[in-house]
PDB file of N, CA and C in Angstrom:
ATOM      1  N   MET A   1      -9.647 -14.349  18.683  1.00  0.00           N
ATOM      2  CA  MET A   1      -9.424 -14.840  17.280  1.00  0.00           C
ATOM      3  C   MET A   1      -9.799 -16.316  17.193  1.00  0.00           C
ATOM      4  N   GLY A   2     -10.468 -16.594  15.993  1.00  0.00           N
ATOM      5  CA  GLY A   2     -10.890 -17.902  15.688  1.00  0.00           C
ATOM      6  C   GLY A   2      -9.769 -18.697  15.147  1.00  0.00           C
ATOM      7  N   ILE A   3     -10.065 -20.019  14.966  1.00  0.00           N
ATOM      8  CA  ILE A   3      -9.101 -20.988  14.379  1.00  0.00           C
ATOM      9  C   ILE A   3      -8.667 -20.570  12.819  1.00  0.00           C
ATOM     10  N   GLU A   4      -9.593 -20.208  12.172  1.00  0.00           N
ATOM     11  CA  GLU A   4      -9.325 -19.800  10.738  1.00  0.00           C
ATOM     12  C   GLU A   4      -8.425 -18.603  10.649  1.00  0.00           C
ATOM     13  N   GLU A   5      -8.756 -17.576  11.528  1.00  0.00           N
ATOM     14  CA  GLU A   5      -7.920 -16.415  11.643  1.00  0.00           C
ATOM     15  C   GLU A   5      -6.464 -16.720  12.023  1.00  0.00           C
ATOM     16  N   ASP A   6      -6.367 -17.592  13.104  1.00  0.00           N
ATOM     17  CA  ASP A   6      -5.064 -18.150  13.517  1.00  0.00           C
ATOM     18  C   ASP A   6      -4.213 -18.687  12.383  1.00  0.00           C
ATOM     19  N   LYS A   7      -4.918 -19.534  11.553  1.00  0.00           N
ATOM     20  CA  LYS A   7      -4.266 -20.183  10.444  1.00  0.00           C
ATOM     21  C   LYS A   7      -3.749 -19.200   9.486  1.00  0.00           C
ATOM     22  N   LYS A   8      -4.613 -18.215   9.159  1.00  0.00           N
ATOM     23  CA  LYS A   8      -4.163 -17.161   8.239  1.00  0.00           C
ATOM     24  C   LYS A   8      -3.003 -16.426   8.781  1.00  0.00           C
ATOM     25  N   LEU A   9      -2.945 -16.186  10.135  1.00  0.00           N
ATOM     26  CA  LEU A   9      -1.918 -15.347  10.678  1.00  0.00           C
ATOM     27  C   LEU A   9      -0.633 -16.212  10.587  1.00  0.00           C
ATOM     28  N   ILE A  10      -0.663 -17.464  10.754  1.00  0.00           N
ATOM     29  CA  ILE A  10       0.511 -18.339  10.597  1.00  0.00           C
ATOM     30  C   ILE A  10       1.039 -18.306   9.131  1.00  0.00           C
ATOM     31  N   ILE A  11       0.122 -18.429   8.187  1.00  0.00           N
ATOM     32  CA  ILE A  11       0.566 -18.514   6.834  1.00  0.00           C
ATOM     33  C   ILE A  11       1.137 -17.199   6.345  1.00  0.00           C
ATOM     34  N   GLU A  12       0.524 -16.041   6.819  1.00  0.00           N
ATOM     35  CA  GLU A  12       1.055 -14.751   6.539  1.00  0.00           C
ATOM     36  C   GLU A  12       2.468 -14.493   7.117  1.00  0.00           C
ATOM     37  N   THR A  13       2.513 -14.897   8.254  1.00  0.00           N
ATOM     38  CA  THR A  13       3.783 -14.706   9.031  1.00  0.00           C
ATOM     39  C   THR A  13       4.920 -15.623   8.359  1.00  0.00           C
ATOM     40  N   LEU A  14       4.705 -16.815   8.043  1.00  0.00           N
ATOM     41  CA  LEU A  14       5.710 -17.543   7.374  1.00  0.00           C
ATOM     42  C   LEU A  14       5.983 -17.075   6.078  1.00  0.00           C
ATOM     43  N   LYS A  15       5.084 -16.651   5.280  1.00  0.00           N
ATOM     44  CA  LYS A  15       5.232 -16.079   3.853  1.00  0.00           C
ATOM     45  C   LYS A  15       6.084 -14.749   4.060  1.00  0.00           C
ATOM     46  N   ALA A  16       6.003 -14.021   5.076  1.00  0.00           N
ATOM     47  CA  ALA A  16       6.643 -12.764   5.266  1.00  0.00           C
ATOM     48  C   ALA A  16       8.222 -12.973   5.496  1.00  0.00           C
ATOM     49  N   LYS A  17       8.542 -14.110   5.945  1.00  0.00           N
ATOM     50  CA  LYS A  17       9.852 -14.427   6.251  1.00  0.00           C
ATOM     51  C   LYS A  17      10.564 -14.860   5.028  1.00  0.00           C
ATOM     52  N   THR A  18      11.441 -14.008   4.451  1.00  0.00           N
ATOM     53  CA  THR A  18      12.012 -14.390   3.184  1.00  0.00           C
ATOM     54  C   THR A  18      13.344 -15.086   3.274  1.00  0.00           C
ATOM     55  N   THR A  19      13.924 -15.021   4.384  1.00  0.00           N
ATOM     56  CA  THR A  19      15.298 -15.728   4.578  1.00  0.00           C
ATOM     57  C   THR A  19      15.283 -17.070   5.120  1.00  0.00           C
ATOM     58  N   LYS A  20      14.118 -17.393   5.657  1.00  0.00           N
ATOM     59  CA  LYS A  20      13.928 -18.661   6.399  1.00  0.00           C
ATOM     60  C   LYS A  20      12.658 -19.432   6.114  1.00  0.00           C
ATOM     61  N   THR A  21      12.695 -20.674   5.824  1.00  0.00           N
ATOM     62  CA  THR A  21      11.451 -21.396   5.353  1.00  0.00           C
ATOM     63  C   THR A  21      11.090 -22.383   6.474  1.00  0.00           C
ATOM     64  N   LYS A  22      11.913 -22.729   7.352  1.00  0.00           N
ATOM     65  CA  LYS A  22      11.542 -23.743   8.375  1.00  0.00           C
ATOM     66  C   LYS A  22      11.639 -23.218   9.830  1.00  0.00           C
ATOM     67  N   PHE A  23      10.739 -23.568  10.664  1.00  0.00           N
ATOM     68  CA  PHE A  23      10.745 -23.011  11.988  1.00  0.00           C
ATOM     69  C   PHE A  23      10.551 -24.083  12.980  1.00  0.00           C
ATOM     70  N   TYR A  24      11.035 -23.737  14.207  1.00  0.00           N
ATOM     71  CA  TYR A  24      10.804 -24.593  15.318  1.00  0.00           C
ATOM     72  C   TYR A  24       9.464 -24.247  15.899  1.00  0.00           C
ATOM     73  N   LEU A  25       8.934 -25.304  16.580  1.00  0.00           N
ATOM     74  CA  LEU A  25       7.533 -25.062  17.181  1.00  0.00           C
ATOM     75  C   LEU A  25       7.534 -23.819  18.097  1.00  0.00           C
ATOM     76  N   ARG A  26       8.662 -23.580  18.845  1.00  0.00           N
ATOM     77  CA  ARG A  26       8.674 -22.444  19.819  1.00  0.00           C
ATOM     78  C   ARG A  26       8.480 -21.104  18.997  1.00  0.00           C
ATOM     79  N   ASP A  27       8.958 -21.119  17.777  1.00  0.00           N
ATOM     80  CA  ASP A  27       8.658 -19.873  16.802  1.00  0.00           C
ATOM     81  C   ASP A  27       7.274 -19.613  16.692  1.00  0.00           C
ATOM     82  N   PHE A  28       6.468 -20.655  16.585  1.00  0.00           N
ATOM     83  CA  PHE A  28       4.949 -20.512  16.431  1.00  0.00           C
ATOM     84  C   PHE A  28       4.365 -20.048  17.861  1.00  0.00           C
ATOM     85  N   ASN A  29       4.901 -20.474  18.884  1.00  0.00           N
ATOM     86  CA  ASN A  29       4.445 -19.991  20.243  1.00  0.00           C
ATOM     87  C   ASN A  29       4.704 -18.564  20.406  1.00  0.00           C
ATOM     88  N   LYS A  30       5.671 -17.949  19.758  1.00  0.00           N
ATOM     89  CA  LYS A  30       5.931 -16.510  19.750  1.00  0.00           C
ATOM     90  C   LYS A  30       4.863 -15.818  19.067  1.00  0.00           C
ATOM     91  N   ILE A  31       4.349 -16.370  17.986  1.00  0.00           N
ATOM     92  CA  ILE A  31       3.201 -15.565  17.228  1.00  0.00           C
ATOM     93  C   ILE A  31       1.984 -15.529  18.100  1.00  0.00           C
ATOM     94  N   PHE A  32       1.719 -16.475  19.091  1.00  0.00           N
ATOM     95  CA  PHE A  32       0.570 -16.450  19.870  1.00  0.00           C
ATOM     96  C   PHE A  32       0.979 -16.479  21.392  1.00  0.00           C
ATOM     97  N   PRO A  33       1.491 -15.399  21.930  1.00  0.00           N
ATOM     98  CA  PRO A  33       1.932 -15.400  23.259  1.00  0.00           C
ATOM     99  C   PRO A  33       0.822 -15.648  24.285  1.00  0.00           C
ATOM    100  N   GLU A  34      -0.368 -15.318  23.885  1.00  0.00           N
ATOM    101  CA  GLU A  34      -1.588 -15.383  24.809  1.00  0.00           C
ATOM    102  C   GLU A  34      -2.052 -16.895  24.881  1.00  0.00           C
ATOM    103  N   LYS A  35      -1.578 -17.743  23.918  1.00  0.00           N
ATOM    104  CA  LYS A  35      -2.130 -19.156  23.943  1.00  0.00           C
ATOM    105  C   LYS A  35      -1.111 -20.049  24.623  1.00  0.00           C
ATOM    106  N   LYS A  36      -1.536 -21.124  25.153  1.00  0.00           N
ATOM    107  CA  LYS A  36      -0.784 -22.158  25.807  1.00  0.00           C
ATOM    108  C   LYS A  36       0.021 -22.863  24.738  1.00  0.00           C
ATOM    109  N   PRO A  37       1.164 -23.338  24.875  1.00  0.00           N
ATOM    110  CA  PRO A  37       2.040 -24.050  23.904  1.00  0.00           C
ATOM    111  C   PRO A  37       1.225 -25.267  23.373  1.00  0.00           C
ATOM    112  N   ARG A  38       0.398 -25.887  24.254  1.00  0.00           N
ATOM    113  CA  ARG A  38      -0.262 -27.087  23.717  1.00  0.00           C
ATOM    114  C   ARG A  38      -1.397 -26.716  22.720  1.00  0.00           C
ATOM    115  N   GLU A  39      -1.981 -25.580  22.883  1.00  0.00           N
ATOM    116  CA  GLU A  39      -2.991 -25.062  21.950  1.00  0.00           C
ATOM    117  C   GLU A  39      -2.280 -24.796  20.563  1.00  0.00           C
ATOM    118  N   VAL A  40      -1.151 -24.084  20.634  1.00  0.00           N
ATOM    119  CA  VAL A  40      -0.390 -23.880  19.392  1.00  0.00           C
ATOM    120  C   VAL A  40       0.048 -25.025  18.676  1.00  0.00           C
ATOM    121  N   SER A  41       0.517 -26.088  19.466  1.00  0.00           N
ATOM    122  CA  SER A  41       0.931 -27.277  18.905  1.00  0.00           C
ATOM    123  C   SER A  41      -0.196 -28.028  18.184  1.00  0.00           C
ATOM    124  N   LYS A  42      -1.454 -28.071  18.811  1.00  0.00           N
ATOM    125  CA  LYS A  42      -2.603 -28.635  18.265  1.00  0.00           C
ATOM    126  C   LYS A  42      -2.972 -27.917  16.841  1.00  0.00           C
ATOM    127  N   LEU A  43      -2.859 -26.584  16.864  1.00  0.00           N
ATOM    128  CA  LEU A  43      -3.197 -25.849  15.744  1.00  0.00           C
ATOM    129  C   LEU A  43      -2.198 -26.171  14.617  1.00  0.00           C
ATOM    130  N   VAL A  44      -0.808 -26.175  14.857  1.00  0.00           N
ATOM    131  CA  VAL A  44       0.078 -26.558  13.866  1.00  0.00           C
ATOM    132  C   VAL A  44      -0.118 -27.966  13.341  1.00  0.00           C
ATOM    133  N   ASN A  45      -0.381 -28.914  14.251  1.00  0.00           N
ATOM    134  CA  ASN A  45      -0.630 -30.326  13.824  1.00  0.00           C
ATOM    135  C   ASN A  45      -1.865 -30.449  12.909  1.00  0.00           C
ATOM    136  N   GLU A  46      -2.871 -29.717  13.188  1.00  0.00           N
ATOM    137  CA  GLU A  46      -4.066 -29.645  12.263  1.00  0.00           C
ATOM    138  C   GLU A  46      -3.710 -29.059  10.946  1.00  0.00           C
ATOM    139  N   MET A  47      -2.791 -28.018  10.822  1.00  0.00           N
ATOM    140  CA  MET A  47      -2.496 -27.539   9.568  1.00  0.00           C
ATOM    141  C   MET A  47      -1.487 -28.383   8.815  1.00  0.00           C
ATOM    142  N   VAL A  48      -0.810 -29.282   9.569  1.00  0.00           N
ATOM    143  CA  VAL A  48       0.005 -30.337   8.871  1.00  0.00           C
ATOM    144  C   VAL A  48      -0.950 -31.414   8.322  1.00  0.00           C
ATOM    145  N   THR A  49      -1.991 -31.750   9.041  1.00  0.00           N
ATOM    146  CA  THR A  49      -2.899 -32.776   8.559  1.00  0.00           C
ATOM    147  C   THR A  49      -3.666 -32.317   7.390  1.00  0.00           C
ATOM    148  N   ASP A  50      -4.038 -30.915   7.371  1.00  0.00           N
ATOM    149  CA  ASP A  50      -4.747 -30.355   6.291  1.00  0.00           C
ATOM    150  C   ASP A  50      -3.820 -30.111   4.987  1.00  0.00           C
ATOM    151  N   GLY A  51      -2.491 -30.411   5.151  1.00  0.00           N
ATOM    152  CA  GLY A  51      -1.594 -30.257   4.011  1.00  0.00           C
ATOM    153  C   GLY A  51      -1.099 -28.824   3.793  1.00  0.00           C
ATOM    154  N   ILE A  52      -1.330 -27.845   4.765  1.00  0.00           N
ATOM    155  CA  ILE A  52      -0.917 -26.495   4.610  1.00  0.00           C
ATOM    156  C   ILE A  52       0.605 -26.344   5.071  1.00  0.00           C
ATOM    157  N   LEU A  53       0.851 -27.061   6.083  1.00  0.00           N
ATOM    158  CA  LEU A  53       2.237 -27.061   6.649  1.00  0.00           C
ATOM    159  C   LEU A  53       2.775 -28.525   6.474  1.00  0.00           C
ATOM    160  N   GLU A  54       4.210 -28.624   6.725  1.00  0.00           N
ATOM    161  CA  GLU A  54       4.738 -29.945   6.657  1.00  0.00           C
ATOM    162  C   GLU A  54       5.835 -29.866   7.701  1.00  0.00           C
ATOM    163  N   TYR A  55       6.241 -31.051   8.222  1.00  0.00           N
ATOM    164  CA  TYR A  55       7.293 -31.375   9.085  1.00  0.00           C
ATOM    165  C   TYR A  55       8.578 -31.630   8.175  1.00  0.00           C
ATOM    166  N   TRP A  56       9.685 -31.121   8.749  1.00  0.00           N
ATOM    167  CA  TRP A  56      10.978 -31.468   8.087  1.00  0.00           C
ATOM    168  C   TRP A  56      11.967 -31.875   9.193  1.00  0.00           C
ATOM    169  N   SER A  57      12.667 -32.909   8.935  1.00  0.00           N
ATOM    170  CA  SER A  57      13.653 -33.392   9.982  1.00  0.00           C
ATOM    171  C   SER A  57      14.990 -33.617   9.361  1.00  0.00           C
ATOM    172  N   SER A  58      15.912 -33.072  10.219  1.00  0.00           N
ATOM    173  CA  SER A  58      17.294 -33.275   9.767  1.00  0.00           C
ATOM    174  C   SER A  58      17.928 -34.547  10.312  1.00  0.00           C
ATOM    175  N   GLY A  59      17.126 -35.170  11.272  1.00  0.00           N
ATOM    176  CA  GLY A  59      17.513 -36.325  11.783  1.00  0.00           C
ATOM    177  C   GLY A  59      17.710 -36.096  13.320  1.00  0.00           C
ATOM    178  N   SER A  60      18.030 -34.913  13.835  1.00  0.00           N
ATOM    179  CA  SER A  60      18.232 -34.595  15.111  1.00  0.00           C
ATOM    180  C   SER A  60      17.288 -33.566  15.554  1.00  0.00           C
ATOM    181  N   THR A  61      16.617 -32.873  14.625  1.00  0.00           N
ATOM    182  CA  THR A  61      15.644 -31.849  15.014  1.00  0.00           C
ATOM    183  C   THR A  61      14.470 -31.804  14.010  1.00  0.00           C
ATOM    184  N   THR A  62      13.263 -31.408  14.451  1.00  0.00           N
ATOM    185  CA  THR A  62      12.192 -31.340  13.658  1.00  0.00           C
ATOM    186  C   THR A  62      11.861 -29.954  13.474  1.00  0.00           C
ATOM    187  N   MET A  63      11.502 -29.485  12.258  1.00  0.00           N
ATOM    188  CA  MET A  63      11.110 -28.158  12.009  1.00  0.00           C
ATOM    189  C   MET A  63       9.831 -28.186  11.181  1.00  0.00           C
ATOM    190  N   ILE A  64       9.195 -27.046  11.140  1.00  0.00           N
ATOM    191  CA  ILE A  64       7.827 -26.960  10.368  1.00  0.00           C
ATOM    192  C   ILE A  64       7.920 -25.861   9.290  1.00  0.00           C
ATOM    193  N   GLY A  65       7.382 -26.051   8.259  1.00  0.00           N
ATOM    194  CA  GLY A  65       7.275 -24.991   7.288  1.00  0.00           C
ATOM    195  C   GLY A  65       6.105 -25.060   6.390  1.00  0.00           C
ATOM    196  N   LEU A  66       5.938 -24.069   5.516  1.00  0.00           N
ATOM    197  CA  LEU A  66       4.914 -24.263   4.623  1.00  0.00           C
ATOM    198  C   LEU A  66       5.156 -25.379   3.588  1.00  0.00           C
ATOM    199  N   LYS A  67       4.173 -26.058   3.231  1.00  0.00           N
ATOM    200  CA  LYS A  67       4.307 -27.299   2.279  1.00  0.00           C
ATOM    201  C   LYS A  67       4.850 -26.779   0.999  1.00  0.00           C
ATOM    202  N   GLY A  68       5.843 -27.331   0.452  1.00  0.00           N
ATOM    203  CA  GLY A  68       6.413 -27.012  -0.848  1.00  0.00           C
ATOM    204  C   GLY A  68       7.356 -25.946  -0.809  1.00  0.00           C
ATOM    205  N   ALA A  69       7.681 -25.287   0.287  1.00  0.00           N
ATOM    206  CA  ALA A  69       8.570 -24.136   0.344  1.00  0.00           C
ATOM    207  C   ALA A  69       9.904 -24.568   0.960  1.00  0.00           C
ATOM    208  N   GLY A  70      10.918 -23.954   0.472  1.00  0.00           N
ATOM    209  CA  GLY A  70      12.241 -24.298   0.914  1.00  0.00           C
ATOM    210  C   GLY A  70      13.210 -24.862  -0.061  1.00  0.00           C
ATOM    211  N   VAL A  71      14.463 -24.830   0.352  1.00  0.00           N
ATOM    212  CA  VAL A  71      15.658 -25.208  -0.457  1.00  0.00           C
ATOM    213  C   VAL A  71      15.473 -26.678  -0.935  1.00  0.00           C
ATOM    214  N   GLN A  72      15.090 -27.546   0.012  1.00  0.00           N
ATOM    215  CA  GLN A  72      15.094 -28.927  -0.366  1.00  0.00           C
ATOM    216  C   GLN A  72      13.943 -29.174  -1.466  1.00  0.00           C
ATOM    217  N   HIS A  73      12.924 -28.446  -1.495  1.00  0.00           N
ATOM    218  CA  HIS A  73      11.868 -28.535  -2.552  1.00  0.00           C
ATOM    219  C   HIS A  73      12.384 -28.093  -3.910  1.00  0.00           C
ATOM    220  N   GLU A  74      13.099 -26.884  -3.820  1.00  0.00           N
ATOM    221  CA  GLU A  74      13.670 -26.451  -5.063  1.00  0.00           C
ATOM    222  C   GLU A  74      14.652 -27.412  -5.732  1.00  0.00           C
ATOM    223  N   ALA A  75      15.472 -28.105  -4.791  1.00  0.00           N
ATOM    224  CA  ALA A  75      16.472 -29.023  -5.322  1.00  0.00           C
ATOM    225  C   ALA A  75      15.747 -30.275  -5.883  1.00  0.00           C
ATOM    226  N   GLU A  76      14.713 -30.750  -5.270  1.00  0.00           N
ATOM    227  CA  GLU A  76      14.009 -31.820  -5.824  1.00  0.00           C
ATOM    228  C   GLU A  76      13.174 -31.586  -6.991  1.00  0.00           C
ATOM    229  N   ASP A  77      12.646 -30.365  -7.171  1.00  0.00           N
ATOM    230  CA  ASP A  77      12.027 -29.862  -8.406  1.00  0.00           C
ATOM    231  C   ASP A  77      12.985 -29.839  -9.621  1.00  0.00           C
ATOM    232  N   SER A  78      14.179 -29.477  -9.304  1.00  0.00           N
ATOM    233  CA  SER A  78      15.201 -29.427 -10.504  1.00  0.00           C
ATOM    234  C   SER A  78      15.614 -30.743 -10.919  1.00  0.00           C
ATOM    235  N   LYS A  79      15.583 -31.792 -10.140  1.00  0.00           N
ATOM    236  CA  LYS A  79      15.911 -33.068 -10.554  1.00  0.00           C
ATOM    237  C   LYS A  79      14.954 -33.727 -11.578  1.00  0.00           C
ATOM    238  N   GLU A  80      13.727 -33.277 -11.486  1.00  0.00           N
ATOM    239  CA  GLU A  80      12.797 -33.790 -12.412  1.00  0.00           C
ATOM    240  C   GLU A  80      12.780 -33.548 -13.815  1.00  0.00           C
TER     241      GLU A  80
END
């Protein structure tokens, strides 16, 4: 699978999760069991740089999700 196909798989997988919008890096590793964790991390970081994904931090943990998705974005949008 190429990089673009991997990115599409990540996006499709995240969109299919209707009850959860933020994920740990280890969740992405489960999508690609044949890849080394470092390869998956580089792919996720590239998608963050491209503006497809974003990091979210609670202060004690960092999670990753689709940019603009999630409860915190819905709350911010309603304030405007």
